[in-house]
């Protein structure tokens, strides 16, 4: 899995990088077909903003959140992402679990 963390108007410190990776681990454990993750951390006026794009086969899952504290923004962001990933995983499983149509030959 390819993880890319970048900062806009903010330096991505090793502590921030570790925090993002630790919050990402449970999400990836829920759905093992993640091919890449792109995280952008930014500061806009007084708001700390975090956004993430999770790449899975056939779809990109996007979430964003802004808060006064960057760590709080990251927490809420990954909670949102986790819910989206579980919803997508359930949809994929339901789709593949559907009954196959039975073809009857004409008599």
N, C-alpha and C. Protein backbone atom coordinates (compact mmCIF):
# COMPACT_ATOMS: atom_id res chain seq x y z
N UNK A 1 0.85 -1.18 0.00
CA UNK A 1 0.00 0.00 0.00
C UNK A 1 0.89 1.24 0.00
N UNK A 2 0.55 2.18 -0.83
CA UNK A 2 1.30 3.41 -0.96
C UNK A 2 0.65 4.50 -0.10
N UNK A 3 1.40 5.07 0.85
CA UNK A 3 0.89 6.12 1.72
C UNK A 3 1.63 7.41 1.43
N UNK A 4 0.87 8.46 1.12
CA UNK A 4 1.47 9.75 0.82
C UNK A 4 0.84 10.79 1.75
N UNK A 5 1.68 11.44 2.55
CA UNK A 5 1.20 12.48 3.47
C UNK A 5 1.87 13.78 3.08
N UNK A 6 1.06 14.81 2.82
CA UNK A 6 1.64 16.10 2.46
C UNK A 6 0.98 17.21 3.28
N UNK A 7 1.67 18.31 3.38
CA UNK A 7 1.16 19.44 4.15
C UNK A 7 1.12 20.70 3.31
N UNK A 8 0.06 21.47 3.47
CA UNK A 8 -0.07 22.78 2.81
C UNK A 8 -0.02 23.83 3.90
N UNK A 9 0.99 24.68 3.87
CA UNK A 9 1.19 25.72 4.88
C UNK A 9 1.42 25.11 6.26
N UNK A 10 1.92 23.89 6.30
CA UNK A 10 2.20 23.22 7.56
C UNK A 10 3.30 22.18 7.31
N UNK A 11 4.18 22.04 8.29
CA UNK A 11 5.23 21.03 8.17
C UNK A 11 4.71 19.71 8.74
N UNK A 12 4.86 18.64 7.96
CA UNK A 12 4.42 17.32 8.42
C UNK A 12 5.56 16.75 9.26
N UNK A 13 5.41 16.84 10.57
CA UNK A 13 6.45 16.37 11.49
C UNK A 13 6.38 14.85 11.60
N UNK A 14 7.46 14.23 12.07
CA UNK A 14 7.40 12.77 12.29
C UNK A 14 6.27 12.37 13.24
N UNK A 15 5.99 13.21 14.24
CA UNK A 15 4.90 12.91 15.18
C UNK A 15 3.55 12.91 14.46
N UNK A 16 3.33 13.89 13.58
CA UNK A 16 2.08 13.93 12.80
C UNK A 16 1.99 12.73 11.87
N UNK A 17 3.09 12.41 11.22
CA UNK A 17 3.13 11.26 10.30
C UNK A 17 2.78 9.97 11.04
N UNK A 18 3.38 9.77 12.21
CA UNK A 18 3.09 8.57 13.01
C UNK A 18 1.63 8.53 13.44
N UNK A 19 1.10 9.71 13.83
CA UNK A 19 -0.29 9.77 14.28
C UNK A 19 -1.25 9.38 13.16
N UNK A 20 -1.00 9.90 11.97
CA UNK A 20 -1.84 9.58 10.80
C UNK A 20 -1.75 8.08 10.50
N UNK A 21 -0.54 7.52 10.54
CA UNK A 21 -0.38 6.09 10.26
C UNK A 21 -1.09 5.24 11.29
N UNK A 22 -1.02 5.62 12.56
CA UNK A 22 -1.70 4.86 13.61
C UNK A 22 -3.21 4.92 13.46
N UNK A 23 -3.74 6.07 13.05
CA UNK A 23 -5.19 6.20 12.84
C UNK A 23 -5.64 5.47 11.58
N UNK A 24 -4.73 5.32 10.63
CA UNK A 24 -5.06 4.66 9.36
C UNK A 24 -5.08 3.13 9.50
N UNK A 25 -4.24 2.59 10.38
CA UNK A 25 -4.11 1.13 10.51
C UNK A 25 -5.44 0.40 10.68
N UNK A 26 -6.33 0.81 11.60
CA UNK A 26 -7.60 0.08 11.75
C UNK A 26 -8.46 0.13 10.49
N UNK A 27 -8.42 1.24 9.77
CA UNK A 27 -9.21 1.37 8.54
C UNK A 27 -8.72 0.35 7.51
N UNK A 28 -7.41 0.24 7.37
CA UNK A 28 -6.83 -0.69 6.40
C UNK A 28 -7.10 -2.14 6.84
N UNK A 29 -7.12 -2.38 8.15
CA UNK A 29 -7.41 -3.73 8.63
C UNK A 29 -8.84 -4.14 8.30
N UNK A 30 -9.77 -3.18 8.27
CA UNK A 30 -11.16 -3.49 7.94
C UNK A 30 -11.31 -3.88 6.47
N UNK A 31 -10.46 -3.32 5.62
CA UNK A 31 -10.59 -3.59 4.19
C UNK A 31 -9.18 -3.73 3.61
N UNK A 32 -8.79 -4.96 3.32
CA UNK A 32 -7.40 -5.23 2.94
C UNK A 32 -7.08 -4.96 1.48
N UNK A 33 -8.03 -4.47 0.71
CA UNK A 33 -7.77 -4.24 -0.72
C UNK A 33 -7.42 -2.79 -1.01
N UNK A 34 -6.92 -2.07 -0.02
CA UNK A 34 -6.52 -0.67 -0.20
C UNK A 34 -5.21 -0.64 -0.98
N UNK A 35 -5.19 0.11 -2.08
CA UNK A 35 -3.99 0.17 -2.90
C UNK A 35 -3.15 1.40 -2.61
N UNK A 36 -3.79 2.47 -2.13
CA UNK A 36 -3.04 3.69 -1.84
C UNK A 36 -3.84 4.65 -0.99
N UNK A 37 -3.12 5.50 -0.28
CA UNK A 37 -3.77 6.50 0.57
C UNK A 37 -3.03 7.80 0.39
N UNK A 38 -3.80 8.87 0.20
CA UNK A 38 -3.22 10.20 0.06
C UNK A 38 -3.84 11.09 1.14
N UNK A 39 -3.00 11.65 2.02
CA UNK A 39 -3.47 12.49 3.12
C UNK A 39 -2.90 13.88 2.92
N UNK A 40 -3.76 14.90 3.03
CA UNK A 40 -3.31 16.28 2.93
C UNK A 40 -3.71 17.00 4.21
N UNK A 41 -2.73 17.55 4.89
CA UNK A 41 -2.97 18.33 6.10
C UNK A 41 -2.71 19.78 5.75
N UNK A 42 -3.62 20.67 6.17
CA UNK A 42 -3.44 22.08 5.81
C UNK A 42 -3.99 22.99 6.89
N UNK A 43 -3.56 24.25 6.82
CA UNK A 43 -4.06 25.28 7.72
C UNK A 43 -4.68 26.36 6.85
N UNK A 44 -5.94 26.68 7.11
CA UNK A 44 -6.64 27.74 6.38
C UNK A 44 -7.20 28.71 7.40
N UNK A 45 -6.60 29.88 7.49
CA UNK A 45 -6.93 30.89 8.51
C UNK A 45 -6.77 30.25 9.88
N UNK A 46 -7.84 30.09 10.64
CA UNK A 46 -7.71 29.51 11.97
C UNK A 46 -8.14 28.05 12.02
N UNK A 47 -8.50 27.50 10.88
CA UNK A 47 -8.97 26.11 10.82
C UNK A 47 -7.84 25.17 10.41
N UNK A 48 -7.73 24.08 11.14
CA UNK A 48 -6.80 23.00 10.77
C UNK A 48 -7.63 22.01 9.96
N UNK A 49 -7.16 21.69 8.77
CA UNK A 49 -7.96 20.84 7.88
C UNK A 49 -7.19 19.57 7.53
N UNK A 50 -7.91 18.46 7.50
CA UNK A 50 -7.31 17.18 7.10
C UNK A 50 -8.22 16.55 6.06
N UNK A 51 -7.63 16.05 4.99
CA UNK A 51 -8.41 15.35 3.96
C UNK A 51 -7.65 14.10 3.55
N UNK A 52 -8.42 13.09 3.17
CA UNK A 52 -7.81 11.82 2.79
C UNK A 52 -8.56 11.24 1.60
N UNK A 53 -7.80 10.63 0.70
CA UNK A 53 -8.37 9.88 -0.41
C UNK A 53 -7.81 8.47 -0.31
N UNK A 54 -8.70 7.52 -0.21
CA UNK A 54 -8.33 6.11 -0.08
C UNK A 54 -8.62 5.43 -1.41
N UNK A 55 -7.60 4.83 -1.99
CA UNK A 55 -7.76 4.20 -3.30
C UNK A 55 -8.01 2.69 -3.11
N UNK A 56 -9.15 2.24 -3.60
CA UNK A 56 -9.48 0.81 -3.59
C UNK A 56 -9.85 0.44 -5.03
N UNK A 57 -9.78 -0.84 -5.37
CA UNK A 57 -10.09 -1.22 -6.76
C UNK A 57 -11.48 -0.72 -7.19
N UNK A 58 -11.51 0.09 -8.23
CA UNK A 58 -12.78 0.55 -8.79
C UNK A 58 -13.37 1.78 -8.13
N UNK A 59 -12.71 2.34 -7.11
CA UNK A 59 -13.31 3.48 -6.42
C UNK A 59 -12.26 4.22 -5.61
N UNK A 60 -12.47 5.52 -5.44
CA UNK A 60 -11.70 6.32 -4.50
C UNK A 60 -12.66 6.80 -3.43
N UNK A 61 -12.28 6.64 -2.17
CA UNK A 61 -13.12 7.07 -1.06
C UNK A 61 -12.48 8.32 -0.47
N UNK A 62 -13.26 9.41 -0.39
CA UNK A 62 -12.74 10.70 0.04
C UNK A 62 -13.45 11.17 1.30
N UNK A 63 -12.69 11.74 2.22
CA UNK A 63 -13.28 12.35 3.41
C UNK A 63 -12.44 13.56 3.79
N UNK A 64 -13.09 14.53 4.42
CA UNK A 64 -12.36 15.70 4.89
C UNK A 64 -12.99 16.19 6.19
N UNK A 65 -12.20 16.91 6.97
CA UNK A 65 -12.70 17.48 8.21
C UNK A 65 -11.83 18.66 8.61
N UNK A 66 -12.44 19.63 9.25
CA UNK A 66 -11.72 20.80 9.74
C UNK A 66 -12.07 21.02 11.20
N UNK A 67 -11.09 21.44 11.98
CA UNK A 67 -11.31 21.71 13.40
C UNK A 67 -10.26 22.72 13.87
N UNK A 68 -10.41 23.16 15.12
CA UNK A 68 -9.43 24.09 15.68
C UNK A 68 -8.10 23.40 15.95
N UNK A 69 -8.15 22.10 16.25
CA UNK A 69 -6.96 21.33 16.55
C UNK A 69 -6.74 20.29 15.45
N UNK A 70 -5.54 20.20 14.94
CA UNK A 70 -5.26 19.28 13.83
C UNK A 70 -5.45 17.82 14.23
N UNK A 71 -5.05 17.47 15.44
CA UNK A 71 -5.22 16.08 15.89
C UNK A 71 -6.70 15.72 16.01
N UNK A 72 -7.52 16.65 16.46
CA UNK A 72 -8.97 16.41 16.52
C UNK A 72 -9.54 16.25 15.12
N UNK A 73 -9.07 17.07 14.18
CA UNK A 73 -9.53 16.98 12.79
C UNK A 73 -9.16 15.61 12.21
N UNK A 74 -7.96 15.13 12.51
CA UNK A 74 -7.52 13.83 12.01
C UNK A 74 -8.37 12.71 12.61
N UNK A 75 -8.68 12.81 13.92
CA UNK A 75 -9.51 11.79 14.58
C UNK A 75 -10.87 11.67 13.90
N UNK A 76 -11.55 12.80 13.73
CA UNK A 76 -12.89 12.78 13.12
C UNK A 76 -12.80 12.32 11.68
N UNK A 77 -11.76 12.75 10.98
CA UNK A 77 -11.56 12.38 9.59
C UNK A 77 -11.49 10.86 9.44
N UNK A 78 -10.68 10.20 10.26
CA UNK A 78 -10.53 8.76 10.12
C UNK A 78 -11.74 8.00 10.63
N UNK A 79 -12.52 8.60 11.55
CA UNK A 79 -13.80 7.98 11.93
C UNK A 79 -14.76 7.99 10.74
N UNK A 80 -14.81 9.12 10.04
CA UNK A 80 -15.66 9.22 8.84
C UNK A 80 -15.20 8.21 7.78
N UNK A 81 -13.89 8.16 7.57
CA UNK A 81 -13.34 7.27 6.55
C UNK A 81 -13.63 5.82 6.89
N UNK A 82 -13.51 5.47 8.16
CA UNK A 82 -13.77 4.10 8.59
C UNK A 82 -15.21 3.70 8.29
N UNK A 83 -16.15 4.59 8.58
CA UNK A 83 -17.57 4.31 8.28
C UNK A 83 -17.77 4.12 6.78
N UNK A 84 -17.15 4.97 5.98
CA UNK A 84 -17.30 4.86 4.52
C UNK A 84 -16.71 3.55 4.00
N UNK A 85 -15.56 3.16 4.54
CA UNK A 85 -14.91 1.93 4.10
C UNK A 85 -15.77 0.72 4.47
N UNK A 86 -16.32 0.71 5.69
CA UNK A 86 -17.17 -0.41 6.09
C UNK A 86 -18.43 -0.48 5.23
N UNK A 87 -19.00 0.67 4.90
CA UNK A 87 -20.18 0.71 4.03
C UNK A 87 -19.84 0.18 2.63
N UNK A 88 -18.69 0.61 2.10
CA UNK A 88 -18.27 0.15 0.78
C UNK A 88 -17.98 -1.35 0.80
N UNK A 89 -17.31 -1.82 1.85
CA UNK A 89 -16.99 -3.24 1.96
C UNK A 89 -18.27 -4.07 2.00
N UNK A 90 -19.27 -3.62 2.75
CA UNK A 90 -20.54 -4.33 2.84
C UNK A 90 -21.22 -4.37 1.47
N UNK A 91 -21.17 -3.25 0.77
CA UNK A 91 -21.78 -3.18 -0.56
C UNK A 91 -21.10 -4.16 -1.52
N UNK A 92 -19.78 -4.24 -1.47
CA UNK A 92 -19.04 -5.15 -2.34
C UNK A 92 -19.38 -6.60 -1.98
N UNK A 93 -19.43 -6.90 -0.68
CA UNK A 93 -19.74 -8.27 -0.26
C UNK A 93 -21.16 -8.65 -0.66
N UNK A 94 -22.12 -7.75 -0.47
CA UNK A 94 -23.50 -8.03 -0.85
C UNK A 94 -23.61 -8.26 -2.35
N UNK A 95 -22.88 -7.47 -3.13
CA UNK A 95 -22.92 -7.59 -4.58
C UNK A 95 -22.39 -8.95 -5.02
N UNK A 96 -21.30 -9.39 -4.39
CA UNK A 96 -20.70 -10.67 -4.79
C UNK A 96 -21.44 -11.87 -4.21
N UNK A 97 -22.25 -11.63 -3.20
CA UNK A 97 -22.95 -12.72 -2.54
C UNK A 97 -24.30 -13.01 -3.21
N UNK A 98 -24.72 -12.14 -4.11
CA UNK A 98 -26.03 -12.29 -4.75
C UNK A 98 -26.17 -13.62 -5.47
N UNK A 99 -27.41 -14.10 -5.53
CA UNK A 99 -27.66 -15.39 -6.20
C UNK A 99 -27.40 -15.26 -7.69
N UNK A 100 -26.80 -16.27 -8.24
CA UNK A 100 -26.56 -16.30 -9.68
C UNK A 100 -27.88 -16.68 -10.37
N UNK A 101 -28.18 -16.03 -11.46
CA UNK A 101 -29.42 -16.40 -12.16
C UNK A 101 -29.32 -17.83 -12.70
N UNK A 102 -30.40 -18.53 -12.61
CA UNK A 102 -30.44 -19.91 -13.09
C UNK A 102 -30.99 -19.89 -14.52
N UNK A 103 -30.21 -20.49 -15.43
CA UNK A 103 -30.64 -20.52 -16.83
C UNK A 103 -31.31 -21.87 -17.10
N UNK A 104 -32.56 -21.81 -17.53
CA UNK A 104 -33.27 -23.03 -17.89
C UNK A 104 -33.28 -23.16 -19.40
N UNK A 105 -33.04 -24.37 -19.86
CA UNK A 105 -33.07 -24.58 -21.31
C UNK A 105 -34.51 -24.71 -21.77
N UNK A 106 -34.79 -24.19 -22.94
CA UNK A 106 -36.16 -24.28 -23.47
C UNK A 106 -36.47 -25.72 -23.82
N UNK A 107 -37.68 -26.14 -23.47
CA UNK A 107 -38.04 -27.52 -23.72
C UNK A 107 -38.89 -27.64 -24.95
